[in-house]
Amino acid sequence: MGDETDSICPRCDDETIHRVVAMKEKKIHLVVCGRCNSQHRYRPSLATMTRKVALPSERQAKVLKKVESAMTSRPQLSLKEWQALKEVAGEMEPLPYDPTASYSEKQIVSHPTFGLGFVRKVIDASKVEVVFEREVKILVMNRRK
């Protein structure tokens, strides 16, 4: 008691310094706001609140492990494929990526975010799968302006 702590004051509607005036079972119970001198129950500051996260069940843990292993193996595969495609492409000029344009397999695309990519597969009339240096992405094509 008598110590200072951060708490959310309902009158000030802000997180301010409070003085502890009552404790219950070794926990802070009542506090007095240092700004407006109102007495109220202790409301922990946003910084001290922790979100409880339930541990995954056995089934969820297996699924998470599979997803994690798939995510770690993909970049290595796409990097090898990307390097092979880059060697085959040689000095060909890449097309700047445009969602309104149409693409075909084995074209080279220059994306502003993902960099140099190679069209691996045309999925349908509006989607194309592109291999970039770090990952494989599905991009849109033939989109109206």
N, C-alpha and C. Protein backbone atom coordinates (compact mmCIF):
# COMPACT_ATOMS: atom_id res chain seq x y z
N MET A 1 0.85 -1.18 0.00
CA MET A 1 0.00 0.00 0.00
C MET A 1 0.89 1.24 0.00
N GLY A 2 0.40 2.30 -0.64
CA GLY A 2 1.17 3.53 -0.73
C GLY A 2 2.07 3.59 -1.95
N ASP A 3 2.29 2.45 -2.61
CA ASP A 3 3.12 2.44 -3.82
C ASP A 3 2.36 3.06 -4.99
N GLU A 4 3.10 3.40 -6.01
CA GLU A 4 2.49 3.94 -7.22
C GLU A 4 2.48 2.87 -8.31
N THR A 5 1.44 2.90 -9.13
CA THR A 5 1.31 1.95 -10.23
C THR A 5 0.54 2.61 -11.36
N ASP A 6 0.69 2.07 -12.54
CA ASP A 6 -0.11 2.55 -13.67
C ASP A 6 -1.44 1.83 -13.66
N SER A 7 -2.51 2.59 -13.91
CA SER A 7 -3.86 2.03 -13.96
C SER A 7 -4.69 2.87 -14.91
N ILE A 8 -5.76 2.29 -15.39
CA ILE A 8 -6.67 3.02 -16.28
C ILE A 8 -7.72 3.68 -15.41
N CYS A 9 -7.81 5.01 -15.47
CA CYS A 9 -8.76 5.77 -14.68
C CYS A 9 -10.06 5.95 -15.46
N PRO A 10 -11.21 5.53 -14.89
CA PRO A 10 -12.47 5.69 -15.61
C PRO A 10 -12.91 7.16 -15.74
N ARG A 11 -12.53 8.00 -14.77
CA ARG A 11 -12.92 9.42 -14.84
C ARG A 11 -12.06 10.16 -15.87
N CYS A 12 -10.75 9.95 -15.83
CA CYS A 12 -9.85 10.60 -16.79
C CYS A 12 -9.93 9.94 -18.16
N ASP A 13 -10.39 8.69 -18.20
CA ASP A 13 -10.45 7.89 -19.43
C ASP A 13 -9.06 7.78 -20.06
N ASP A 14 -8.07 7.51 -19.20
CA ASP A 14 -6.70 7.44 -19.66
C ASP A 14 -5.90 6.57 -18.69
N GLU A 15 -4.75 6.14 -19.11
CA GLU A 15 -3.85 5.39 -18.25
C GLU A 15 -2.96 6.39 -17.53
N THR A 16 -3.08 6.45 -16.19
CA THR A 16 -2.32 7.42 -15.40
C THR A 16 -1.66 6.73 -14.22
N ILE A 17 -0.84 7.50 -13.49
CA ILE A 17 -0.19 6.99 -12.29
C ILE A 17 -1.20 7.04 -11.15
N HIS A 18 -1.28 5.94 -10.40
CA HIS A 18 -2.22 5.83 -9.28
C HIS A 18 -1.46 5.43 -8.02
N ARG A 19 -2.03 5.80 -6.87
CA ARG A 19 -1.48 5.39 -5.58
C ARG A 19 -2.34 4.26 -5.04
N VAL A 20 -1.72 3.18 -4.59
CA VAL A 20 -2.44 2.02 -4.08
C VAL A 20 -2.94 2.34 -2.67
N VAL A 21 -4.28 2.16 -2.44
CA VAL A 21 -4.85 2.44 -1.12
C VAL A 21 -5.41 1.19 -0.44
N ALA A 22 -5.68 0.12 -1.20
CA ALA A 22 -6.18 -1.11 -0.59
C ALA A 22 -5.73 -2.31 -1.40
N MET A 23 -5.44 -3.39 -0.65
CA MET A 23 -5.04 -4.63 -1.30
C MET A 23 -5.92 -5.76 -0.79
N LYS A 24 -6.14 -6.76 -1.65
CA LYS A 24 -6.97 -7.90 -1.31
C LYS A 24 -6.25 -9.15 -1.79
N GLU A 25 -5.97 -10.06 -0.87
CA GLU A 25 -5.27 -11.31 -1.19
C GLU A 25 -3.96 -11.06 -1.95
N LYS A 26 -3.18 -10.12 -1.47
CA LYS A 26 -1.87 -9.76 -2.02
C LYS A 26 -1.94 -9.20 -3.45
N LYS A 27 -3.11 -8.72 -3.83
CA LYS A 27 -3.28 -8.09 -5.14
C LYS A 27 -3.85 -6.69 -4.94
N ILE A 28 -3.52 -5.78 -5.83
CA ILE A 28 -4.02 -4.40 -5.73
C ILE A 28 -5.53 -4.42 -5.94
N HIS A 29 -6.25 -3.73 -5.03
CA HIS A 29 -7.72 -3.71 -5.11
C HIS A 29 -8.24 -2.29 -5.41
N LEU A 30 -7.86 -1.30 -4.57
CA LEU A 30 -8.31 0.07 -4.77
C LEU A 30 -7.12 1.00 -5.00
N VAL A 31 -7.32 1.99 -5.88
CA VAL A 31 -6.28 2.97 -6.18
C VAL A 31 -6.89 4.36 -6.23
N VAL A 32 -6.02 5.38 -6.07
CA VAL A 32 -6.44 6.77 -6.19
C VAL A 32 -5.64 7.38 -7.34
N CYS A 33 -6.36 8.01 -8.27
CA CYS A 33 -5.74 8.61 -9.44
C CYS A 33 -4.90 9.81 -9.04
N GLY A 34 -3.70 9.91 -9.58
CA GLY A 34 -2.80 11.03 -9.31
C GLY A 34 -3.22 12.30 -10.03
N ARG A 35 -4.03 12.19 -11.06
CA ARG A 35 -4.46 13.35 -11.84
C ARG A 35 -5.75 13.96 -11.29
N CYS A 36 -6.79 13.12 -11.09
CA CYS A 36 -8.10 13.65 -10.69
C CYS A 36 -8.50 13.30 -9.26
N ASN A 37 -7.65 12.56 -8.54
CA ASN A 37 -7.88 12.15 -7.15
C ASN A 37 -9.13 11.31 -6.94
N SER A 38 -9.62 10.62 -7.96
CA SER A 38 -10.78 9.75 -7.78
C SER A 38 -10.30 8.38 -7.32
N GLN A 39 -11.12 7.75 -6.46
CA GLN A 39 -10.78 6.42 -5.96
C GLN A 39 -11.63 5.41 -6.71
N HIS A 40 -11.00 4.33 -7.17
CA HIS A 40 -11.73 3.30 -7.92
C HIS A 40 -10.97 1.99 -7.84
N ARG A 41 -11.61 0.94 -8.35
CA ARG A 41 -10.96 -0.36 -8.40
C ARG A 41 -9.77 -0.29 -9.34
N TYR A 42 -8.80 -1.11 -9.06
CA TYR A 42 -7.60 -1.17 -9.89
C TYR A 42 -7.94 -1.79 -11.24
N ARG A 43 -7.58 -1.09 -12.29
CA ARG A 43 -7.71 -1.60 -13.65
C ARG A 43 -6.29 -1.63 -14.22
N PRO A 44 -5.76 -2.83 -14.49
CA PRO A 44 -4.37 -2.90 -14.94
C PRO A 44 -4.14 -2.11 -16.22
N SER A 45 -2.94 -1.59 -16.34
CA SER A 45 -2.59 -0.82 -17.54
C SER A 45 -2.51 -1.77 -18.74
N LEU A 46 -2.58 -1.20 -19.89
CA LEU A 46 -2.53 -2.00 -21.12
C LEU A 46 -1.22 -2.76 -21.24
N ALA A 47 -0.15 -2.19 -20.72
CA ALA A 47 1.16 -2.84 -20.81
C ALA A 47 1.26 -4.07 -19.91
N THR A 48 0.54 -4.07 -18.78
CA THR A 48 0.65 -5.19 -17.86
C THR A 48 -0.33 -6.31 -18.16
N MET A 49 -1.35 -6.02 -18.97
CA MET A 49 -2.30 -7.08 -19.30
C MET A 49 -1.65 -8.04 -20.28
N THR A 50 -1.82 -9.32 -20.05
CA THR A 50 -1.29 -10.32 -20.96
C THR A 50 -2.44 -11.15 -21.48
N ARG A 51 -2.36 -11.48 -22.73
CA ARG A 51 -3.41 -12.28 -23.36
C ARG A 51 -3.08 -13.75 -23.16
N LYS A 52 -4.03 -14.48 -22.64
CA LYS A 52 -3.81 -15.91 -22.44
C LYS A 52 -4.06 -16.63 -23.75
N VAL A 53 -3.09 -17.41 -24.17
CA VAL A 53 -3.20 -18.18 -25.40
C VAL A 53 -3.24 -19.65 -25.02
N ALA A 54 -4.30 -20.31 -25.43
CA ALA A 54 -4.44 -21.72 -25.12
C ALA A 54 -3.41 -22.52 -25.90
N LEU A 55 -2.89 -23.53 -25.25
CA LEU A 55 -1.95 -24.41 -25.94
C LEU A 55 -2.70 -25.23 -26.98
N PRO A 56 -2.09 -25.50 -28.12
CA PRO A 56 -2.81 -26.27 -29.14
C PRO A 56 -3.04 -27.71 -28.70
N SER A 57 -4.15 -28.25 -29.18
CA SER A 57 -4.43 -29.65 -28.90
C SER A 57 -3.44 -30.51 -29.68
N GLU A 58 -3.48 -31.82 -29.43
CA GLU A 58 -2.54 -32.72 -30.10
C GLU A 58 -2.75 -32.67 -31.62
N ARG A 59 -4.01 -32.65 -32.04
CA ARG A 59 -4.32 -32.60 -33.47
C ARG A 59 -3.87 -31.28 -34.08
N GLN A 60 -4.13 -30.17 -33.37
CA GLN A 60 -3.71 -28.86 -33.87
C GLN A 60 -2.19 -28.78 -33.96
N ALA A 61 -1.49 -29.37 -33.01
CA ALA A 61 -0.03 -29.36 -33.02
C ALA A 61 0.51 -30.10 -34.24
N LYS A 62 -0.13 -31.23 -34.61
CA LYS A 62 0.30 -31.97 -35.80
C LYS A 62 0.10 -31.14 -37.06
N VAL A 63 -1.06 -30.49 -37.15
CA VAL A 63 -1.34 -29.65 -38.33
C VAL A 63 -0.36 -28.50 -38.41
N LEU A 64 -0.09 -27.84 -37.28
CA LEU A 64 0.86 -26.74 -37.27
C LEU A 64 2.26 -27.20 -37.68
N LYS A 65 2.64 -28.39 -37.25
CA LYS A 65 3.95 -28.93 -37.62
C LYS A 65 4.03 -29.18 -39.12
N LYS A 66 2.95 -29.73 -39.71
CA LYS A 66 2.93 -29.98 -41.15
C LYS A 66 3.01 -28.67 -41.93
N VAL A 67 2.24 -27.68 -41.49
CA VAL A 67 2.25 -26.38 -42.18
C VAL A 67 3.63 -25.75 -42.09
N GLU A 68 4.24 -25.81 -40.91
CA GLU A 68 5.57 -25.23 -40.73
C GLU A 68 6.61 -25.91 -41.62
N SER A 69 6.55 -27.24 -41.69
CA SER A 69 7.53 -27.95 -42.52
C SER A 69 7.30 -27.66 -44.00
N ALA A 70 6.04 -27.50 -44.40
CA ALA A 70 5.75 -27.17 -45.80
C ALA A 70 6.24 -25.76 -46.12
N MET A 71 6.10 -24.85 -45.20
CA MET A 71 6.53 -23.47 -45.43
C MET A 71 8.04 -23.36 -45.50
N THR A 72 8.77 -24.18 -44.76
CA THR A 72 10.23 -24.10 -44.79
C THR A 72 10.81 -24.77 -46.02
N SER A 73 10.14 -25.79 -46.58
CA SER A 73 10.69 -26.48 -47.74
C SER A 73 10.36 -25.75 -49.04
N ARG A 74 9.28 -25.00 -49.08
CA ARG A 74 8.89 -24.29 -50.30
C ARG A 74 9.92 -23.30 -50.81
N PRO A 75 10.44 -22.41 -49.95
CA PRO A 75 11.40 -21.44 -50.47
C PRO A 75 12.61 -22.09 -51.12
N GLN A 76 13.10 -23.20 -50.59
CA GLN A 76 14.26 -23.85 -51.18
C GLN A 76 13.93 -24.38 -52.56
N LEU A 77 12.74 -24.98 -52.71
CA LEU A 77 12.33 -25.50 -54.01
C LEU A 77 12.14 -24.37 -55.01
N SER A 78 11.45 -23.30 -54.60
CA SER A 78 11.21 -22.19 -55.53
C SER A 78 12.51 -21.49 -55.90
N LEU A 79 13.47 -21.40 -54.97
CA LEU A 79 14.75 -20.76 -55.27
C LEU A 79 15.51 -21.56 -56.32
N LYS A 80 15.55 -22.87 -56.18
CA LYS A 80 16.24 -23.71 -57.17
C LYS A 80 15.57 -23.59 -58.53
N GLU A 81 14.23 -23.62 -58.53
CA GLU A 81 13.49 -23.50 -59.79
C GLU A 81 13.72 -22.12 -60.40
N TRP A 82 13.70 -21.08 -59.56
CA TRP A 82 13.91 -19.71 -60.03
C TRP A 82 15.29 -19.56 -60.65
N GLN A 83 16.32 -20.12 -60.01
CA GLN A 83 17.69 -20.02 -60.54
C GLN A 83 17.81 -20.75 -61.88
N ALA A 84 17.16 -21.92 -61.99
CA ALA A 84 17.20 -22.66 -63.24
C ALA A 84 16.50 -21.88 -64.36
N LEU A 85 15.35 -21.29 -64.04
CA LEU A 85 14.62 -20.50 -65.04
C LEU A 85 15.40 -19.25 -65.45
N LYS A 86 16.11 -18.66 -64.51
CA LYS A 86 16.90 -17.46 -64.81
C LYS A 86 18.04 -17.79 -65.77
N GLU A 87 18.68 -18.96 -65.57
CA GLU A 87 19.75 -19.38 -66.47
C GLU A 87 19.22 -19.63 -67.88
N VAL A 88 18.05 -20.25 -67.97
CA VAL A 88 17.43 -20.54 -69.27
C VAL A 88 17.04 -19.24 -69.97
N ALA A 89 16.52 -18.28 -69.19
CA ALA A 89 16.04 -17.01 -69.77
C ALA A 89 17.17 -16.18 -70.34
N GLY A 90 18.33 -16.24 -69.70
CA GLY A 90 19.48 -15.50 -70.20
C GLY A 90 19.28 -14.01 -70.15
N GLU A 91 19.36 -13.37 -71.30
CA GLU A 91 19.28 -11.91 -71.38
C GLU A 91 17.92 -11.42 -71.84
N MET A 92 16.88 -12.24 -71.78
CA MET A 92 15.54 -11.81 -72.19
C MET A 92 15.06 -10.66 -71.31
N GLU A 93 14.35 -9.73 -71.91
CA GLU A 93 13.85 -8.55 -71.20
C GLU A 93 12.55 -8.88 -70.47
N PRO A 94 12.46 -8.62 -69.14
CA PRO A 94 11.22 -8.90 -68.42
C PRO A 94 10.14 -7.87 -68.72
N LEU A 95 8.89 -8.33 -68.69
CA LEU A 95 7.75 -7.44 -68.85
C LEU A 95 7.37 -6.88 -67.49
N PRO A 96 7.05 -5.58 -67.38
CA PRO A 96 6.58 -5.07 -66.09
C PRO A 96 5.22 -5.68 -65.77
N TYR A 97 5.02 -6.13 -64.53
CA TYR A 97 3.76 -6.77 -64.17
C TYR A 97 2.62 -5.77 -64.23
N ASP A 98 1.54 -6.17 -64.90
CA ASP A 98 0.34 -5.35 -65.02
C ASP A 98 -0.86 -6.28 -64.87
N PRO A 99 -1.73 -6.06 -63.88
CA PRO A 99 -2.87 -6.95 -63.68
C PRO A 99 -3.84 -6.98 -64.86
N THR A 100 -3.80 -5.96 -65.71
CA THR A 100 -4.71 -5.93 -66.85
C THR A 100 -4.16 -6.68 -68.05
N ALA A 101 -2.87 -7.00 -68.02
CA ALA A 101 -2.24 -7.70 -69.14
C ALA A 101 -2.51 -9.20 -69.08
N SER A 102 -2.21 -9.87 -70.20
CA SER A 102 -2.36 -11.32 -70.28
C SER A 102 -0.97 -11.94 -70.36
N TYR A 103 -0.78 -13.07 -69.68
CA TYR A 103 0.51 -13.72 -69.64
C TYR A 103 0.41 -15.17 -70.09
N SER A 104 1.52 -15.71 -70.56
CA SER A 104 1.58 -17.12 -70.95
C SER A 104 2.76 -17.77 -70.23
N GLU A 105 2.82 -19.09 -70.27
CA GLU A 105 3.88 -19.81 -69.56
C GLU A 105 5.26 -19.42 -70.07
N LYS A 106 6.21 -19.44 -69.16
CA LYS A 106 7.62 -19.16 -69.40
C LYS A 106 7.93 -17.70 -69.73
N GLN A 107 6.97 -16.79 -69.51
CA GLN A 107 7.26 -15.37 -69.68
C GLN A 107 7.97 -14.85 -68.44
N ILE A 108 8.76 -13.81 -68.61
CA ILE A 108 9.48 -13.19 -67.49
C ILE A 108 8.72 -11.93 -67.09
N VAL A 109 8.49 -11.79 -65.77
CA VAL A 109 7.71 -10.67 -65.24
C VAL A 109 8.54 -9.94 -64.20
N SER A 110 8.48 -8.62 -64.23
CA SER A 110 9.15 -7.81 -63.23
C SER A 110 8.07 -7.20 -62.33
N HIS A 111 7.97 -7.68 -61.09
CA HIS A 111 6.94 -7.22 -60.15
C HIS A 111 7.55 -6.16 -59.23
N PRO A 112 6.82 -5.07 -58.94
CA PRO A 112 7.40 -4.01 -58.11
C PRO A 112 7.72 -4.43 -56.68
N THR A 113 7.01 -5.43 -56.14
CA THR A 113 7.25 -5.88 -54.77
C THR A 113 8.09 -7.14 -54.70
N PHE A 114 7.78 -8.13 -55.54
CA PHE A 114 8.41 -9.44 -55.44
C PHE A 114 9.65 -9.58 -56.32
N GLY A 115 9.86 -8.66 -57.24
CA GLY A 115 11.04 -8.69 -58.09
C GLY A 115 10.84 -9.48 -59.36
N LEU A 116 11.91 -10.10 -59.84
CA LEU A 116 11.91 -10.84 -61.09
C LEU A 116 11.22 -12.19 -60.89
N GLY A 117 10.27 -12.51 -61.80
CA GLY A 117 9.55 -13.77 -61.69
C GLY A 117 9.35 -14.41 -63.04
N PHE A 118 9.06 -15.71 -63.00
CA PHE A 118 8.85 -16.48 -64.20
C PHE A 118 7.49 -17.16 -64.12
N VAL A 119 6.68 -17.01 -65.17
CA VAL A 119 5.35 -17.60 -65.19
C VAL A 119 5.50 -19.10 -65.28
N ARG A 120 5.06 -19.80 -64.25
CA ARG A 120 5.14 -21.25 -64.21
C ARG A 120 3.94 -21.88 -64.89
N LYS A 121 2.75 -21.32 -64.60
CA LYS A 121 1.54 -21.96 -65.09
C LYS A 121 0.41 -20.94 -65.16
N VAL A 122 -0.41 -21.05 -66.21
CA VAL A 122 -1.62 -20.24 -66.31
C VAL A 122 -2.73 -21.08 -65.70
N ILE A 123 -3.28 -20.62 -64.57
CA ILE A 123 -4.28 -21.38 -63.85
C ILE A 123 -5.63 -21.32 -64.55
N ASP A 124 -6.08 -20.12 -64.85
CA ASP A 124 -7.30 -19.91 -65.64
C ASP A 124 -7.19 -18.57 -66.34
N ALA A 125 -8.29 -18.07 -66.87
CA ALA A 125 -8.24 -16.84 -67.65
C ALA A 125 -7.88 -15.61 -66.81
N SER A 126 -7.96 -15.72 -65.48
CA SER A 126 -7.68 -14.55 -64.65
C SER A 126 -6.56 -14.75 -63.64
N LYS A 127 -5.93 -15.94 -63.60
CA LYS A 127 -4.88 -16.19 -62.61
C LYS A 127 -3.68 -16.86 -63.25
N VAL A 128 -2.51 -16.49 -62.73
CA VAL A 128 -1.27 -17.05 -63.22
C VAL A 128 -0.36 -17.34 -62.04
N GLU A 129 0.37 -18.46 -62.09
CA GLU A 129 1.30 -18.83 -61.01
C GLU A 129 2.70 -18.40 -61.43
N VAL A 130 3.35 -17.59 -60.58
CA VAL A 130 4.65 -17.03 -60.91
C VAL A 130 5.68 -17.44 -59.85
N VAL A 131 6.84 -17.90 -60.32
CA VAL A 131 7.94 -18.27 -59.42
C VAL A 131 8.84 -17.06 -59.25
N PHE A 132 8.93 -16.58 -57.99
CA PHE A 132 9.84 -15.50 -57.67
C PHE A 132 11.04 -16.09 -56.92
N GLU A 133 12.03 -15.27 -56.64
CA GLU A 133 13.25 -15.75 -56.01
C GLU A 133 12.97 -16.36 -54.63
N ARG A 134 12.05 -15.80 -53.88
CA ARG A 134 11.80 -16.27 -52.52
C ARG A 134 10.54 -17.09 -52.34
N GLU A 135 9.60 -16.99 -53.28
CA GLU A 135 8.34 -17.72 -53.12
C GLU A 135 7.59 -17.82 -54.44
N VAL A 136 6.56 -18.65 -54.42
CA VAL A 136 5.68 -18.80 -55.57
C VAL A 136 4.40 -18.06 -55.25
N LYS A 137 3.94 -17.21 -56.16
CA LYS A 137 2.74 -16.41 -55.93
C LYS A 137 1.74 -16.65 -57.05
N ILE A 138 0.46 -16.51 -56.70
CA ILE A 138 -0.59 -16.53 -57.70
C ILE A 138 -1.01 -15.09 -57.91
N LEU A 139 -0.86 -14.61 -59.14
CA LEU A 139 -1.17 -13.22 -59.46
C LEU A 139 -2.36 -13.16 -60.41
N VAL A 140 -3.03 -12.01 -60.43
CA VAL A 140 -4.17 -11.83 -61.32
C VAL A 140 -3.68 -11.34 -62.67
N MET A 141 -4.49 -11.63 -63.68
CA MET A 141 -4.23 -11.11 -65.02
C MET A 141 -5.56 -10.89 -65.70
N ASN A 142 -5.59 -10.18 -66.78
CA ASN A 142 -6.80 -9.87 -67.55
C ASN A 142 -7.86 -9.19 -66.69
N ARG A 143 -7.44 -8.39 -65.72
CA ARG A 143 -8.38 -7.67 -64.87
C ARG A 143 -8.78 -6.37 -65.55
N ARG A 144 -10.05 -6.04 -65.47
CA ARG A 144 -10.53 -4.79 -66.07
C ARG A 144 -10.01 -3.60 -65.29
N LYS A 145 -9.86 -2.49 -66.00
CA LYS A 145 -9.39 -1.25 -65.35
C LYS A 145 -10.51 -0.60 -64.58
